[in-house]
Amino acid sequence: MVSGTPERLSLPVLATLCDILDCTPADLIATSAQNLPARCVAGEEAPINLAARRPARVRLTPEG
């Protein structure tokens, strides 16, 4: 945490930092929100066939 930007922060570490600095998690973590465009509008396309997107199950058989 000291040498660079941390990728993960556990809750016990966050609680300890808040106790030491006498602050809340909201004071330490900056949040932002963005309005993203919808991926698709309902009714424009046919439903997605999930079976076509799943890989086929492989059956292993002993060599003989």
N, C-alpha and C. Protein backbone atom coordinates (compact mmCIF):
# COMPACT_ATOMS: atom_id res chain seq x y z
N MET A 1 0.82 -1.20 0.00
CA MET A 1 0.00 0.00 0.00
C MET A 1 0.86 1.25 0.00
N VAL A 2 2.03 1.16 0.58
CA VAL A 2 2.89 2.34 0.68
C VAL A 2 3.60 2.62 -0.64
N SER A 3 4.00 1.57 -1.37
CA SER A 3 4.82 1.78 -2.55
C SER A 3 4.03 2.03 -3.83
N GLY A 4 2.72 1.78 -3.83
CA GLY A 4 1.94 1.99 -5.04
C GLY A 4 0.45 1.98 -4.75
N THR A 5 -0.33 2.00 -5.81
CA THR A 5 -1.77 1.97 -5.67
C THR A 5 -2.24 0.53 -5.43
N PRO A 6 -2.91 0.27 -4.31
CA PRO A 6 -3.35 -1.10 -4.04
C PRO A 6 -4.50 -1.50 -4.95
N GLU A 7 -4.52 -2.77 -5.35
CA GLU A 7 -5.60 -3.27 -6.18
C GLU A 7 -6.77 -3.76 -5.34
N ARG A 8 -6.46 -4.23 -4.13
CA ARG A 8 -7.50 -4.75 -3.24
C ARG A 8 -7.27 -4.22 -1.84
N LEU A 9 -8.35 -4.13 -1.10
CA LEU A 9 -8.28 -3.67 0.27
C LEU A 9 -9.25 -4.50 1.09
N SER A 10 -8.75 -5.21 2.08
CA SER A 10 -9.63 -6.04 2.91
C SER A 10 -10.38 -5.16 3.90
N LEU A 11 -11.51 -5.67 4.36
CA LEU A 11 -12.32 -4.91 5.32
C LEU A 11 -11.60 -4.68 6.64
N PRO A 12 -10.84 -5.65 7.17
CA PRO A 12 -10.11 -5.36 8.41
C PRO A 12 -9.09 -4.23 8.24
N VAL A 13 -8.40 -4.19 7.09
CA VAL A 13 -7.44 -3.10 6.85
C VAL A 13 -8.17 -1.77 6.72
N LEU A 14 -9.30 -1.77 6.03
CA LEU A 14 -10.09 -0.54 5.89
C LEU A 14 -10.57 -0.06 7.25
N ALA A 15 -11.05 -0.97 8.09
CA ALA A 15 -11.52 -0.59 9.43
C ALA A 15 -10.37 -0.04 10.27
N THR A 16 -9.20 -0.64 10.15
CA THR A 16 -8.04 -0.16 10.90
C THR A 16 -7.63 1.23 10.44
N LEU A 17 -7.61 1.45 9.14
CA LEU A 17 -7.27 2.79 8.62
C LEU A 17 -8.28 3.83 9.10
N CYS A 18 -9.55 3.47 9.10
CA CYS A 18 -10.57 4.41 9.55
C CYS A 18 -10.41 4.73 11.03
N ASP A 19 -10.04 3.72 11.84
CA ASP A 19 -9.81 3.96 13.26
C ASP A 19 -8.60 4.85 13.48
N ILE A 20 -7.52 4.58 12.75
CA ILE A 20 -6.30 5.37 12.92
C ILE A 20 -6.51 6.81 12.47
N LEU A 21 -7.18 6.99 11.34
CA LEU A 21 -7.37 8.34 10.79
C LEU A 21 -8.62 9.04 11.31
N ASP A 22 -9.41 8.34 12.12
CA ASP A 22 -10.65 8.88 12.68
C ASP A 22 -11.55 9.43 11.57
N CYS A 23 -11.87 8.55 10.61
CA CYS A 23 -12.72 8.94 9.49
C CYS A 23 -13.62 7.76 9.11
N THR A 24 -14.40 7.95 8.07
CA THR A 24 -15.29 6.90 7.59
C THR A 24 -14.75 6.36 6.26
N PRO A 25 -15.22 5.18 5.83
CA PRO A 25 -14.77 4.68 4.52
C PRO A 25 -15.08 5.64 3.38
N ALA A 26 -16.18 6.37 3.47
CA ALA A 26 -16.53 7.33 2.43
C ALA A 26 -15.48 8.45 2.32
N ASP A 27 -14.79 8.75 3.41
CA ASP A 27 -13.74 9.76 3.36
C ASP A 27 -12.49 9.25 2.63
N LEU A 28 -12.29 7.94 2.63
CA LEU A 28 -11.10 7.36 2.03
C LEU A 28 -11.30 6.88 0.59
N ILE A 29 -12.53 6.52 0.24
CA ILE A 29 -12.79 5.92 -1.07
C ILE A 29 -13.61 6.89 -1.91
N ALA A 30 -13.06 7.28 -3.04
CA ALA A 30 -13.78 8.17 -3.95
C ALA A 30 -14.64 7.32 -4.89
N THR A 31 -15.88 7.69 -5.04
CA THR A 31 -16.79 6.97 -5.94
C THR A 31 -17.29 7.93 -7.01
N SER A 32 -17.65 7.36 -8.15
CA SER A 32 -18.23 8.16 -9.22
C SER A 32 -19.23 7.30 -9.97
N ALA A 33 -20.16 7.93 -10.62
CA ALA A 33 -21.18 7.23 -11.39
C ALA A 33 -21.20 7.80 -12.80
N GLN A 34 -21.50 6.92 -13.75
CA GLN A 34 -21.59 7.35 -15.13
C GLN A 34 -22.89 6.83 -15.72
N ASN A 35 -23.50 7.62 -16.57
CA ASN A 35 -24.66 7.16 -17.31
C ASN A 35 -24.17 6.50 -18.58
N LEU A 36 -24.35 5.18 -18.65
CA LEU A 36 -23.92 4.43 -19.83
C LEU A 36 -25.13 4.15 -20.72
N PRO A 37 -24.92 4.14 -22.03
CA PRO A 37 -26.04 3.83 -22.92
C PRO A 37 -26.46 2.36 -22.75
N ALA A 38 -27.73 2.10 -22.97
CA ALA A 38 -28.24 0.74 -22.87
C ALA A 38 -27.62 -0.12 -23.95
N ARG A 39 -27.39 -1.39 -23.65
CA ARG A 39 -26.77 -2.28 -24.63
C ARG A 39 -27.73 -2.60 -25.77
N CYS A 40 -28.97 -2.85 -25.44
CA CYS A 40 -29.98 -3.07 -26.47
C CYS A 40 -31.34 -2.72 -25.89
N VAL A 41 -32.24 -2.40 -26.76
CA VAL A 41 -33.58 -2.03 -26.34
C VAL A 41 -34.46 -3.27 -26.44
N ALA A 42 -35.29 -3.48 -25.45
CA ALA A 42 -36.16 -4.66 -25.45
C ALA A 42 -37.07 -4.66 -26.67
N GLY A 43 -37.20 -5.80 -27.30
CA GLY A 43 -38.08 -5.93 -28.45
C GLY A 43 -37.41 -5.71 -29.79
N GLU A 44 -36.17 -5.20 -29.81
CA GLU A 44 -35.52 -4.95 -31.09
C GLU A 44 -34.94 -6.23 -31.70
N GLU A 45 -34.43 -7.12 -30.87
CA GLU A 45 -33.80 -8.33 -31.37
C GLU A 45 -34.46 -9.55 -30.75
N ALA A 46 -34.24 -10.68 -31.37
CA ALA A 46 -34.75 -11.93 -30.83
C ALA A 46 -34.00 -12.25 -29.53
N PRO A 47 -34.60 -13.03 -28.65
CA PRO A 47 -33.91 -13.39 -27.41
C PRO A 47 -32.61 -14.14 -27.71
N ILE A 48 -31.66 -13.99 -26.84
CA ILE A 48 -30.36 -14.64 -27.02
C ILE A 48 -30.50 -16.13 -26.70
N ASN A 49 -29.97 -16.96 -27.58
CA ASN A 49 -29.98 -18.39 -27.37
C ASN A 49 -28.77 -18.74 -26.51
N LEU A 50 -28.98 -18.94 -25.20
CA LEU A 50 -27.88 -19.21 -24.30
C LEU A 50 -27.23 -20.56 -24.58
N ALA A 51 -27.99 -21.52 -25.09
CA ALA A 51 -27.42 -22.83 -25.38
C ALA A 51 -26.35 -22.73 -26.47
N ALA A 52 -26.50 -21.80 -27.39
CA ALA A 52 -25.52 -21.63 -28.45
C ALA A 52 -24.25 -20.98 -27.94
N ARG A 53 -24.31 -20.29 -26.82
CA ARG A 53 -23.15 -19.60 -26.27
C ARG A 53 -22.37 -20.47 -25.28
N ARG A 54 -22.98 -21.53 -24.78
CA ARG A 54 -22.31 -22.39 -23.82
C ARG A 54 -21.45 -23.41 -24.55
N PRO A 55 -20.29 -23.72 -23.99
CA PRO A 55 -19.46 -24.75 -24.63
C PRO A 55 -20.10 -26.12 -24.47
N ALA A 56 -19.81 -27.00 -25.42
CA ALA A 56 -20.34 -28.36 -25.36
C ALA A 56 -19.60 -29.14 -24.28
N ARG A 57 -20.32 -29.98 -23.56
CA ARG A 57 -19.72 -30.80 -22.51
C ARG A 57 -18.89 -31.90 -23.16
N VAL A 58 -17.72 -32.12 -22.62
CA VAL A 58 -16.81 -33.13 -23.15
C VAL A 58 -16.97 -34.41 -22.34
N ARG A 59 -16.99 -35.54 -23.04
CA ARG A 59 -17.04 -36.84 -22.36
C ARG A 59 -15.70 -37.53 -22.55
N LEU A 60 -15.05 -37.83 -21.46
CA LEU A 60 -13.77 -38.50 -21.52
C LEU A 60 -13.99 -40.00 -21.41
N THR A 61 -13.36 -40.73 -22.30
CA THR A 61 -13.46 -42.19 -22.28
C THR A 61 -12.05 -42.77 -22.24
N PRO A 62 -11.90 -43.89 -21.58
CA PRO A 62 -10.55 -44.48 -21.53
C PRO A 62 -10.14 -44.98 -22.92
N GLU A 63 -8.87 -44.85 -23.21
CA GLU A 63 -8.35 -45.31 -24.49
C GLU A 63 -8.30 -46.84 -24.46
N GLY A 64 -8.64 -47.46 -25.56
CA GLY A 64 -8.65 -48.91 -25.50
C GLY A 64 -8.28 -49.60 -26.73
